[in-house]
Amino acid sequence: MSDLLAAAQTGGHDAFGALVTPHLRALHLYRYRMPGSYSDADEALQDTFVRVWRSFGMFEGGAPCCTGCTASRPPPV
């Protein structure tokens, strides 16, 4: 896991994918409950992963990887 984190923090797309893929279903369902439609959930989840990707270099390892995925809120519909 630490190798994946290090690779993702230095821009490794495959490593980032390997870290987030196991959580996709749960995060999609979480996002679906907010806007209430699958297409809005898809868009919100994509926006979330873009934000997580952009800030992943600042991740210090003290919290679960996907804390930022559930902490961010989708834009209002």
PDB file of N, CA and C in Angstrom:
ATOM      1  N   MET A   1       0.820  -1.195   0.000  1.00  0.00           N
ATOM      2  CA  MET A   1       0.000   0.000   0.000  1.00  0.00           C
ATOM      3  C   MET A   1       0.865   1.260   0.000  1.00  0.00           C
ATOM      4  N   SER A   2       1.943   1.268   0.777  1.00  0.00           N
ATOM      5  CA  SER A   2       2.788   2.466   0.826  1.00  0.00           C
ATOM      6  C   SER A   2       3.456   2.730  -0.526  1.00  0.00           C
ATOM      7  N   ASP A   3       3.762   1.660  -1.274  1.00  0.00           N
ATOM      8  CA  ASP A   3       4.333   1.851  -2.610  1.00  0.00           C
ATOM      9  C   ASP A   3       3.321   2.508  -3.543  1.00  0.00           C
ATOM     10  N   LEU A   4       2.048   2.085  -3.434  1.00  0.00           N
ATOM     11  CA  LEU A   4       0.989   2.691  -4.253  1.00  0.00           C
ATOM     12  C   LEU A   4       0.802   4.164  -3.884  1.00  0.00           C
ATOM     13  N   LEU A   5       0.800   4.452  -2.593  1.00  0.00           N
ATOM     14  CA  LEU A   5       0.653   5.844  -2.146  1.00  0.00           C
ATOM     15  C   LEU A   5       1.781   6.706  -2.692  1.00  0.00           C
ATOM     16  N   ALA A   6       2.997   6.229  -2.566  1.00  0.00           N
ATOM     17  CA  ALA A   6       4.147   6.991  -3.045  1.00  0.00           C
ATOM     18  C   ALA A   6       4.067   7.203  -4.550  1.00  0.00           C
ATOM     19  N   ALA A   7       3.700   6.161  -5.278  1.00  0.00           N
ATOM     20  CA  ALA A   7       3.591   6.283  -6.734  1.00  0.00           C
ATOM     21  C   ALA A   7       2.471   7.250  -7.123  1.00  0.00           C
ATOM     22  N   ALA A   8       1.335   7.183  -6.435  1.00  0.00           N
ATOM     23  CA  ALA A   8       0.220   8.083  -6.738  1.00  0.00           C
ATOM     24  C   ALA A   8       0.576   9.522  -6.414  1.00  0.00           C
ATOM     25  N   GLN A   9       1.300   9.726  -5.331  1.00  0.00           N
ATOM     26  CA  GLN A   9       1.669  11.084  -4.940  1.00  0.00           C
ATOM     27  C   GLN A   9       2.644  11.729  -5.914  1.00  0.00           C
ATOM     28  N   THR A  10       3.368  10.921  -6.647  1.00  0.00           N
ATOM     29  CA  THR A  10       4.298  11.470  -7.627  1.00  0.00           C
ATOM     30  C   THR A  10       3.713  11.459  -9.040  1.00  0.00           C
ATOM     31  N   GLY A  11       2.391  11.283  -9.126  1.00  0.00           N
ATOM     32  CA  GLY A  11       1.718  11.395 -10.413  1.00  0.00           C
ATOM     33  C   GLY A  11       1.413  10.092 -11.107  1.00  0.00           C
ATOM     34  N   GLY A  12       1.531   8.979 -10.419  1.00  0.00           N
ATOM     35  CA  GLY A  12       1.256   7.684 -11.033  1.00  0.00           C
ATOM     36  C   GLY A  12      -0.240   7.430 -11.189  1.00  0.00           C
ATOM     37  N   HIS A  13      -0.733   7.565 -12.406  1.00  0.00           N
ATOM     38  CA  HIS A  13      -2.163   7.383 -12.681  1.00  0.00           C
ATOM     39  C   HIS A  13      -2.621   5.968 -12.345  1.00  0.00           C
ATOM     40  N   ASP A  14      -1.824   4.969 -12.712  1.00  0.00           N
ATOM     41  CA  ASP A  14      -2.198   3.574 -12.434  1.00  0.00           C
ATOM     42  C   ASP A  14      -2.268   3.318 -10.931  1.00  0.00           C
ATOM     43  N   ALA A  15      -1.324   3.879 -10.193  1.00  0.00           N
ATOM     44  CA  ALA A  15      -1.309   3.704  -8.743  1.00  0.00           C
ATOM     45  C   ALA A  15      -2.536   4.377  -8.115  1.00  0.00           C
ATOM     46  N   PHE A  16      -2.867   5.566  -8.581  1.00  0.00           N
ATOM     47  CA  PHE A  16      -4.056   6.257  -8.072  1.00  0.00           C
ATOM     48  C   PHE A  16      -5.301   5.434  -8.364  1.00  0.00           C
ATOM     49  N   GLY A  17      -5.383   4.902  -9.571  1.00  0.00           N
ATOM     50  CA  GLY A  17      -6.513   4.056  -9.940  1.00  0.00           C
ATOM     51  C   GLY A  17      -6.613   2.823  -9.058  1.00  0.00           C
ATOM     52  N   ALA A  18      -5.478   2.213  -8.771  1.00  0.00           N
ATOM     53  CA  ALA A  18      -5.472   1.027  -7.913  1.00  0.00           C
ATOM     54  C   ALA A  18      -5.935   1.355  -6.501  1.00  0.00           C
ATOM     55  N   LEU A  19      -5.669   2.559  -6.042  1.00  0.00           N
ATOM     56  CA  LEU A  19      -6.092   2.967  -4.699  1.00  0.00           C
ATOM     57  C   LEU A  19      -7.589   3.274  -4.631  1.00  0.00           C
ATOM     58  N   VAL A  20      -8.138   3.891  -5.660  1.00  0.00           N
ATOM     59  CA  VAL A  20      -9.534   4.316  -5.595  1.00  0.00           C
ATOM     60  C   VAL A  20     -10.529   3.299  -6.155  1.00  0.00           C
ATOM     61  N   THR A  21     -10.086   2.434  -7.069  1.00  0.00           N
ATOM     62  CA  THR A  21     -10.995   1.476  -7.697  1.00  0.00           C
ATOM     63  C   THR A  21     -11.762   0.617  -6.692  1.00  0.00           C
ATOM     64  N   PRO A  22     -11.133   0.103  -5.639  1.00  0.00           N
ATOM     65  CA  PRO A  22     -11.894  -0.718  -4.689  1.00  0.00           C
ATOM     66  C   PRO A  22     -13.029   0.045  -3.987  1.00  0.00           C
ATOM     67  N   HIS A  23     -12.994   1.367  -4.031  1.00  0.00           N
ATOM     68  CA  HIS A  23     -13.986   2.184  -3.337  1.00  0.00           C
ATOM     69  C   HIS A  23     -15.039   2.776  -4.261  1.00  0.00           C
ATOM     70  N   LEU A  24     -14.924   2.536  -5.564  1.00  0.00           N
ATOM     71  CA  LEU A  24     -15.805   3.194  -6.526  1.00  0.00           C
ATOM     72  C   LEU A  24     -17.281   2.927  -6.283  1.00  0.00           C
ATOM     73  N   ARG A  25     -17.650   1.676  -6.077  1.00  0.00           N
ATOM     74  CA  ARG A  25     -19.069   1.342  -5.897  1.00  0.00           C
ATOM     75  C   ARG A  25     -19.648   2.039  -4.668  1.00  0.00           C
ATOM     76  N   ALA A  26     -18.953   1.950  -3.546  1.00  0.00           N
ATOM     77  CA  ALA A  26     -19.446   2.575  -2.316  1.00  0.00           C
ATOM     78  C   ALA A  26     -19.547   4.088  -2.472  1.00  0.00           C
ATOM     79  N   LEU A  27     -18.544   4.696  -3.105  1.00  0.00           N
ATOM     80  CA  LEU A  27     -18.576   6.141  -3.296  1.00  0.00           C
ATOM     81  C   LEU A  27     -19.666   6.555  -4.271  1.00  0.00           C
ATOM     82  N   HIS A  28     -19.884   5.754  -5.301  1.00  0.00           N
ATOM     83  CA  HIS A  28     -20.951   6.076  -6.256  1.00  0.00           C
ATOM     84  C   HIS A  28     -22.307   6.025  -5.560  1.00  0.00           C
ATOM     85  N   LEU A  29     -22.538   5.011  -4.749  1.00  0.00           N
ATOM     86  CA  LEU A  29     -23.804   4.918  -4.010  1.00  0.00           C
ATOM     87  C   LEU A  29     -23.953   6.079  -3.033  1.00  0.00           C
ATOM     88  N   TYR A  30     -22.859   6.449  -2.375  1.00  0.00           N
ATOM     89  CA  TYR A  30     -22.869   7.589  -1.450  1.00  0.00           C
ATOM     90  C   TYR A  30     -23.239   8.866  -2.201  1.00  0.00           C
ATOM     91  N   ARG A  31     -22.621   9.065  -3.349  1.00  0.00           N
ATOM     92  CA  ARG A  31     -22.900  10.254  -4.149  1.00  0.00           C
ATOM     93  C   ARG A  31     -24.315  10.233  -4.718  1.00  0.00           C
ATOM     94  N   TYR A  32     -24.813   9.057  -5.074  1.00  0.00           N
ATOM     95  CA  TYR A  32     -26.162   8.951  -5.630  1.00  0.00           C
ATOM     96  C   TYR A  32     -27.196   9.433  -4.622  1.00  0.00           C
ATOM     97  N   ARG A  33     -26.982   9.161  -3.353  1.00  0.00           N
ATOM     98  CA  ARG A  33     -27.947   9.577  -2.330  1.00  0.00           C
ATOM     99  C   ARG A  33     -28.049  11.095  -2.220  1.00  0.00           C
ATOM    100  N   MET A  34     -27.014  11.808  -2.595  1.00  0.00           N
ATOM    101  CA  MET A  34     -27.040  13.274  -2.486  1.00  0.00           C
ATOM    102  C   MET A  34     -27.875  13.918  -3.592  1.00  0.00           C
ATOM    103  N   PRO A  35     -27.468  13.808  -4.873  1.00  0.00           N
ATOM    104  CA  PRO A  35     -28.254  14.481  -5.911  1.00  0.00           C
ATOM    105  C   PRO A  35     -29.490  13.709  -6.345  1.00  0.00           C
ATOM    106  N   GLY A  36     -29.498  12.380  -6.155  1.00  0.00           N
ATOM    107  CA  GLY A  36     -30.676  11.593  -6.482  1.00  0.00           C
ATOM    108  C   GLY A  36     -30.762  11.063  -7.905  1.00  0.00           C
ATOM    109  N   SER A  37     -29.739  11.263  -8.716  1.00  0.00           N
ATOM    110  CA  SER A  37     -29.744  10.673 -10.058  1.00  0.00           C
ATOM    111  C   SER A  37     -28.365  10.106 -10.349  1.00  0.00           C
ATOM    112  N   TYR A  38     -28.345   9.047 -11.151  1.00  0.00           N
ATOM    113  CA  TYR A  38     -27.060   8.414 -11.453  1.00  0.00           C
ATOM    114  C   TYR A  38     -26.147   9.320 -12.264  1.00  0.00           C
ATOM    115  N   SER A  39     -26.700  10.067 -13.206  1.00  0.00           N
ATOM    116  CA  SER A  39     -25.837  10.934 -14.014  1.00  0.00           C
ATOM    117  C   SER A  39     -25.245  12.059 -13.166  1.00  0.00           C
ATOM    118  N   ASP A  40     -26.041  12.629 -12.246  1.00  0.00           N
ATOM    119  CA  ASP A  40     -25.506  13.652 -11.349  1.00  0.00           C
ATOM    120  C   ASP A  40     -24.475  13.045 -10.399  1.00  0.00           C
ATOM    121  N   ALA A  41     -24.717  11.810  -9.955  1.00  0.00           N
ATOM    122  CA  ALA A  41     -23.762  11.129  -9.078  1.00  0.00           C
ATOM    123  C   ALA A  41     -22.460  10.869  -9.820  1.00  0.00           C
ATOM    124  N   ASP A  42     -22.555  10.451 -11.089  1.00  0.00           N
ATOM    125  CA  ASP A  42     -21.350  10.222 -11.894  1.00  0.00           C
ATOM    126  C   ASP A  42     -20.535  11.506 -12.015  1.00  0.00           C
ATOM    127  N   GLU A  43     -21.210  12.594 -12.320  1.00  0.00           N
ATOM    128  CA  GLU A  43     -20.520  13.872 -12.477  1.00  0.00           C
ATOM    129  C   GLU A  43     -19.890  14.327 -11.160  1.00  0.00           C
ATOM    130  N   ALA A  44     -20.634  14.192 -10.066  1.00  0.00           N
ATOM    131  CA  ALA A  44     -20.111  14.580  -8.754  1.00  0.00           C
ATOM    132  C   ALA A  44     -18.914  13.718  -8.375  1.00  0.00           C
ATOM    133  N   LEU A  45     -18.990  12.427  -8.663  1.00  0.00           N
ATOM    134  CA  LEU A  45     -17.885  11.530  -8.337  1.00  0.00           C
ATOM    135  C   LEU A  45     -16.651  11.858  -9.177  1.00  0.00           C
ATOM    136  N   GLN A  46     -16.871  12.160 -10.449  1.00  0.00           N
ATOM    137  CA  GLN A  46     -15.744  12.547 -11.303  1.00  0.00           C
ATOM    138  C   GLN A  46     -15.100  13.828 -10.774  1.00  0.00           C
ATOM    139  N   ASP A  47     -15.911  14.819 -10.418  1.00  0.00           N
ATOM    140  CA  ASP A  47     -15.383  16.065  -9.853  1.00  0.00           C
ATOM    141  C   ASP A  47     -14.612  15.789  -8.568  1.00  0.00           C
ATOM    142  N   THR A  48     -15.139  14.885  -7.752  1.00  0.00           N
ATOM    143  CA  THR A  48     -14.478  14.532  -6.495  1.00  0.00           C
ATOM    144  C   THR A  48     -13.107  13.930  -6.763  1.00  0.00           C
ATOM    145  N   PHE A  49     -13.032  12.975  -7.700  1.00  0.00           N
ATOM    146  CA  PHE A  49     -11.748  12.342  -7.977  1.00  0.00           C
ATOM    147  C   PHE A  49     -10.751  13.311  -8.596  1.00  0.00           C
ATOM    148  N   VAL A  50     -11.225  14.260  -9.372  1.00  0.00           N
ATOM    149  CA  VAL A  50     -10.321  15.278  -9.912  1.00  0.00           C
ATOM    150  C   VAL A  50      -9.744  16.098  -8.758  1.00  0.00           C
ATOM    151  N   ARG A  51     -10.602  16.500  -7.805  1.00  0.00           N
ATOM    152  CA  ARG A  51     -10.115  17.260  -6.646  1.00  0.00           C
ATOM    153  C   ARG A  51      -9.148  16.435  -5.804  1.00  0.00           C
ATOM    154  N   VAL A  52      -9.480  15.164  -5.607  1.00  0.00           N
ATOM    155  CA  VAL A  52      -8.597  14.290  -4.820  1.00  0.00           C
ATOM    156  C   VAL A  52      -7.265  14.122  -5.546  1.00  0.00           C
ATOM    157  N   TRP A  53      -7.299  13.896  -6.864  1.00  0.00           N
ATOM    158  CA  TRP A  53      -6.075  13.734  -7.643  1.00  0.00           C
ATOM    159  C   TRP A  53      -5.184  14.971  -7.526  1.00  0.00           C
ATOM    160  N   ARG A  54      -5.794  16.139  -7.640  1.00  0.00           N
ATOM    161  CA  ARG A  54      -5.022  17.390  -7.595  1.00  0.00           C
ATOM    162  C   ARG A  54      -4.379  17.630  -6.232  1.00  0.00           C
ATOM    163  N   SER A  55      -5.016  17.167  -5.180  1.00  0.00           N
ATOM    164  CA  SER A  55      -4.475  17.414  -3.836  1.00  0.00           C
ATOM    165  C   SER A  55      -3.772  16.196  -3.246  1.00  0.00           C
ATOM    166  N   PHE A  56      -3.671  15.111  -4.001  1.00  0.00           N
ATOM    167  CA  PHE A  56      -3.117  13.867  -3.463  1.00  0.00           C
ATOM    168  C   PHE A  56      -1.661  14.000  -3.049  1.00  0.00           C
ATOM    169  N   GLY A  57      -0.937  14.882  -3.673  1.00  0.00           N
ATOM    170  CA  GLY A  57       0.458  15.109  -3.300  1.00  0.00           C
ATOM    171  C   GLY A  57       0.620  15.623  -1.883  1.00  0.00           C
ATOM    172  N   MET A  58      -0.445  16.213  -1.329  1.00  0.00           N
ATOM    173  CA  MET A  58      -0.403  16.737   0.041  1.00  0.00           C
ATOM    174  C   MET A  58      -0.837  15.707   1.081  1.00  0.00           C
ATOM    175  N   PHE A  59      -1.290  14.536   0.618  1.00  0.00           N
ATOM    176  CA  PHE A  59      -1.753  13.500   1.538  1.00  0.00           C
ATOM    177  C   PHE A  59      -0.580  13.022   2.380  1.00  0.00           C
ATOM    178  N   GLU A  60      -0.747  13.046   3.707  1.00  0.00           N
ATOM    179  CA  GLU A  60       0.345  12.688   4.614  1.00  0.00           C
ATOM    180  C   GLU A  60       0.236  11.272   5.158  1.00  0.00           C
ATOM    181  N   GLY A  61      -0.841  10.572   4.859  1.00  0.00           N
ATOM    182  CA  GLY A  61      -0.961   9.196   5.290  1.00  0.00           C
ATOM    183  C   GLY A  61      -1.579   8.993   6.659  1.00  0.00           C
ATOM    184  N   GLY A  62      -2.017  10.048   7.317  1.00  0.00           N
ATOM    185  CA  GLY A  62      -2.585   9.910   8.653  1.00  0.00           C
ATOM    186  C   GLY A  62      -4.052   9.521   8.672  1.00  0.00           C
ATOM    187  N   ALA A  63      -4.727   9.653   7.554  1.00  0.00           N
ATOM    188  CA  ALA A  63      -6.161   9.341   7.461  1.00  0.00           C
ATOM    189  C   ALA A  63      -6.360   8.327   6.340  1.00  0.00           C
ATOM    190  N   PRO A  64      -7.519   7.667   6.331  1.00  0.00           N
ATOM    191  CA  PRO A  64      -7.801   6.762   5.212  1.00  0.00           C
ATOM    192  C   PRO A  64      -7.736   7.518   3.883  1.00  0.00           C
ATOM    193  N   CYS A  65      -7.303   6.829   2.850  1.00  0.00           N
ATOM    194  CA  CYS A  65      -7.122   7.453   1.530  1.00  0.00           C
ATOM    195  C   CYS A  65      -8.347   8.186   1.028  1.00  0.00           C
ATOM    196  N   CYS A  66      -9.506   7.603   1.189  1.00  0.00           N
ATOM    197  CA  CYS A  66     -10.698   8.185   0.580  1.00  0.00           C
ATOM    198  C   CYS A  66     -11.482   9.097   1.509  1.00  0.00           C
ATOM    199  N   THR A  67     -10.869   9.562   2.585  1.00  0.00           N
ATOM    200  CA  THR A  67     -11.546  10.523   3.452  1.00  0.00           C
ATOM    201  C   THR A  67     -11.967  11.741   2.643  1.00  0.00           C
ATOM    202  N   GLY A  68     -11.083  12.221   1.791  1.00  0.00           N
ATOM    203  CA  GLY A  68     -11.397  13.372   0.964  1.00  0.00           C
ATOM    204  C   GLY A  68     -12.500  13.131  -0.030  1.00  0.00           C
ATOM    205  N   CYS A  69     -12.728  11.893  -0.383  1.00  0.00           N
ATOM    206  CA  CYS A  69     -13.796  11.549  -1.340  1.00  0.00           C
ATOM    207  C   CYS A  69     -15.165  11.766  -0.731  1.00  0.00           C
ATOM    208  N   THR A  70     -15.307  11.443   0.530  1.00  0.00           N
ATOM    209  CA  THR A  70     -16.620  11.581   1.171  1.00  0.00           C
ATOM    210  C   THR A  70     -16.761  12.934   1.846  1.00  0.00           C
ATOM    211  N   ALA A  71     -15.661  13.608   2.109  1.00  0.00           N
ATOM    212  CA  ALA A  71     -15.733  14.896   2.785  1.00  0.00           C
ATOM    213  C   ALA A  71     -16.165  16.000   1.832  1.00  0.00           C
ATOM    214  N   SER A  72     -15.806  15.893   0.568  1.00  0.00           N
ATOM    215  CA  SER A  72     -16.166  16.936  -0.386  1.00  0.00           C
ATOM    216  C   SER A  72     -17.641  16.795  -0.770  1.00  0.00           C
ATOM    217  N   ARG A  73     -18.247  17.878  -1.081  1.00  0.00           N
ATOM    218  CA  ARG A  73     -19.661  17.892  -1.440  1.00  0.00           C
ATOM    219  C   ARG A  73     -19.811  18.207  -2.922  1.00  0.00           C
ATOM    220  N   PRO A  74     -20.801  17.606  -3.564  1.00  0.00           N
ATOM    221  CA  PRO A  74     -21.025  17.927  -4.968  1.00  0.00           C
ATOM    222  C   PRO A  74     -21.595  19.332  -5.111  1.00  0.00           C
ATOM    223  N   PRO A  75     -21.415  19.923  -6.265  1.00  0.00           N
ATOM    224  CA  PRO A  75     -22.001  21.252  -6.476  1.00  0.00           C
ATOM    225  C   PRO A  75     -23.518  21.172  -6.440  1.00  0.00           C
ATOM    226  N   PRO A  76     -24.196  22.245  -6.038  1.00  0.00           N
ATOM    227  CA  PRO A  76     -25.663  22.213  -6.003  1.00  0.00           C
ATOM    228  C   PRO A  76     -26.238  21.973  -7.382  1.00  0.00           C
ATOM    229  N   VAL A  77     -27.348  21.279  -7.425  1.00  0.00           N
ATOM    230  CA  VAL A  77     -27.985  20.943  -8.700  1.00  0.00           C
ATOM    231  C   VAL A  77     -28.951  22.032  -9.082  1.00  0.00           C
TER     232      VAL A  77
END
